[in-house]
Structure formats: C-alpha cells, structure tokens
C-alpha cells in the first residue's frame, strides 16, 4: 500500500480545468486512496458507458473541500 498524501484543494486548483474528466487512477492519486476505494467515495460520477465512469475535477475539489478539518 502506498503512502497517502492529502493535499488542500487550494494547492490543486490549477491542476486541471474545472470540467476536465478524470479517471479512477487520477482520482486515487489526488485523494490518496487505492483504486478500489475511489468507487466507494461519495464523489459524483459521470457514466461514459456501462463499464466506464469519470469524475469531474470540480467535483473532486468540492469533495476534498467539504472534508477538510480545521485544527
């Protein structure tokens, strides 16, 4: 299992265009979870076909921001 790295949404803002569609692998790398876990997260998906989904970059940023804890 790889090292998990949570990055703030502000740091990631310029990574991709807001409407860019990401693969499960890209989402996993950004969020810091394994590929299987990406499908279990509550990030909205766009179904491309019966076996293919994508995540909108803006939705991933929103998901990260909603889970940020202030300490």
C-alpha atoms as a PDB file:
ATOM      1  CA  UNK A   1       0.000   0.000   0.000  1.00  0.00           C
ATOM      2  CA  UNK A   2       1.335   3.413  -0.952  1.00  0.00           C
ATOM      3  CA  UNK A   3       1.729   6.424   1.267  1.00  0.00           C
ATOM      4  CA  UNK A   4      -1.368   8.591   1.492  1.00  0.00           C
ATOM      5  CA  UNK A   5      -0.956  12.264   0.809  1.00  0.00           C
ATOM      6  CA  UNK A   6      -3.833  14.654   1.439  1.00  0.00           C
ATOM      7  CA  UNK A   7      -3.395  17.960  -0.328  1.00  0.00           C
ATOM      8  CA  UNK A   8      -5.554  21.023   0.155  1.00  0.00           C
ATOM      9  CA  UNK A   9      -7.954  21.954  -2.643  1.00  0.00           C
ATOM     10  CA  UNK A  10      -6.219  25.328  -2.986  1.00  0.00           C
ATOM     11  CA  UNK A  11      -2.940  23.651  -3.907  1.00  0.00           C
ATOM     12  CA  UNK A  12      -4.692  21.515  -6.509  1.00  0.00           C
ATOM     13  CA  UNK A  13      -6.760  24.316  -8.116  1.00  0.00           C
ATOM     14  CA  UNK A  14      -4.539  24.757 -11.177  1.00  0.00           C
ATOM     15  CA  UNK A  15      -4.015  21.027 -11.769  1.00  0.00           C
ATOM     16  CA  UNK A  16      -6.712  20.562 -14.420  1.00  0.00           C
ATOM     17  CA  UNK A  17      -9.547  22.595 -15.958  1.00  0.00           C
ATOM     18  CA  UNK A  18     -12.729  22.514 -13.815  1.00  0.00           C
ATOM     19  CA  UNK A  19     -14.617  20.499 -16.430  1.00  0.00           C
ATOM     20  CA  UNK A  20     -11.748  18.049 -17.042  1.00  0.00           C
ATOM     21  CA  UNK A  21     -12.841  14.423 -16.640  1.00  0.00           C
ATOM     22  CA  UNK A  22     -10.541  12.248 -14.519  1.00  0.00           C
ATOM     23  CA  UNK A  23     -10.009   8.507 -14.472  1.00  0.00           C
ATOM     24  CA  UNK A  24     -10.223   6.432 -11.301  1.00  0.00           C
ATOM     25  CA  UNK A  25      -6.427   6.276 -11.223  1.00  0.00           C
ATOM     26  CA  UNK A  26      -6.111  10.050 -11.308  1.00  0.00           C
ATOM     27  CA  UNK A  27      -8.707  10.486  -8.559  1.00  0.00           C
ATOM     28  CA  UNK A  28      -6.976   7.833  -6.447  1.00  0.00           C
ATOM     29  CA  UNK A  29      -3.640   9.627  -6.791  1.00  0.00           C
ATOM     30  CA  UNK A  30      -5.117  13.013  -5.838  1.00  0.00           C
ATOM     31  CA  UNK A  31      -7.210  11.776  -2.919  1.00  0.00           C
ATOM     32  CA  UNK A  32      -4.596   9.319  -1.643  1.00  0.00           C
ATOM     33  CA  UNK A  33      -6.612   6.103  -1.666  1.00  0.00           C
ATOM     34  CA  UNK A  34      -6.359   2.871  -3.609  1.00  0.00           C
ATOM     35  CA  UNK A  35      -8.185   2.393  -6.886  1.00  0.00           C
ATOM     36  CA  UNK A  36     -10.956   0.214  -5.453  1.00  0.00           C
ATOM     37  CA  UNK A  37     -11.767   2.787  -2.758  1.00  0.00           C
ATOM     38  CA  UNK A  38     -12.348   5.543  -5.362  1.00  0.00           C
ATOM     39  CA  UNK A  39     -15.543   3.778  -6.472  1.00  0.00           C
ATOM     40  CA  UNK A  40     -16.807   3.753  -2.865  1.00  0.00           C
ATOM     41  CA  UNK A  41     -16.389   7.505  -2.291  1.00  0.00           C
ATOM     42  CA  UNK A  42     -19.344   9.863  -2.476  1.00  0.00           C
ATOM     43  CA  UNK A  43     -17.878  11.914  -5.332  1.00  0.00           C
ATOM     44  CA  UNK A  44     -20.450  12.271  -8.154  1.00  0.00           C
ATOM     45  CA  UNK A  45     -19.558  10.315 -11.300  1.00  0.00           C
ATOM     46  CA  UNK A  46     -20.298  10.703 -14.989  1.00  0.00           C
ATOM     47  CA  UNK A  47     -21.151   7.396 -16.621  1.00  0.00           C
ATOM     48  CA  UNK A  48     -19.431   7.180 -20.008  1.00  0.00           C
ATOM     49  CA  UNK A  49     -20.605   3.635 -20.780  1.00  0.00           C
ATOM     50  CA  UNK A  50     -21.807   0.538 -18.939  1.00  0.00           C
ATOM     51  CA  UNK A  51     -18.252  -0.148 -17.730  1.00  0.00           C
ATOM     52  CA  UNK A  52     -16.684   3.294 -17.687  1.00  0.00           C
ATOM     53  CA  UNK A  53     -17.105   6.250 -15.331  1.00  0.00           C
ATOM     54  CA  UNK A  54     -15.242   9.518 -14.949  1.00  0.00           C
ATOM     55  CA  UNK A  55     -15.075  12.178 -12.261  1.00  0.00           C
ATOM     56  CA  UNK A  56     -15.264  15.903 -12.969  1.00  0.00           C
ATOM     57  CA  UNK A  57     -12.257  17.717 -11.497  1.00  0.00           C
ATOM     58  CA  UNK A  58     -14.503  20.383  -9.966  1.00  0.00           C
ATOM     59  CA  UNK A  59     -16.477  17.670  -8.118  1.00  0.00           C
ATOM     60  CA  UNK A  60     -13.255  16.159  -6.745  1.00  0.00           C
ATOM     61  CA  UNK A  61     -12.124  19.582  -5.460  1.00  0.00           C
ATOM     62  CA  UNK A  62     -15.525  20.168  -3.864  1.00  0.00           C
ATOM     63  CA  UNK A  63     -15.404  16.749  -2.204  1.00  0.00           C
ATOM     64  CA  UNK A  64     -11.954  17.489  -0.764  1.00  0.00           C
ATOM     65  CA  UNK A  65     -13.008  20.942   0.475  1.00  0.00           C
ATOM     66  CA  UNK A  66     -16.108  19.556   2.203  1.00  0.00           C
ATOM     67  CA  UNK A  67     -13.991  17.103   4.174  1.00  0.00           C
ATOM     68  CA  UNK A  68     -11.259  19.475   5.254  1.00  0.00           C
ATOM     69  CA  UNK A  69     -10.937  19.790   9.024  1.00  0.00           C
ATOM     70  CA  UNK A  70      -9.768  22.955  10.669  1.00  0.00           C
ATOM     71  CA  UNK A  71      -7.411  22.256  13.561  1.00  0.00           C
END
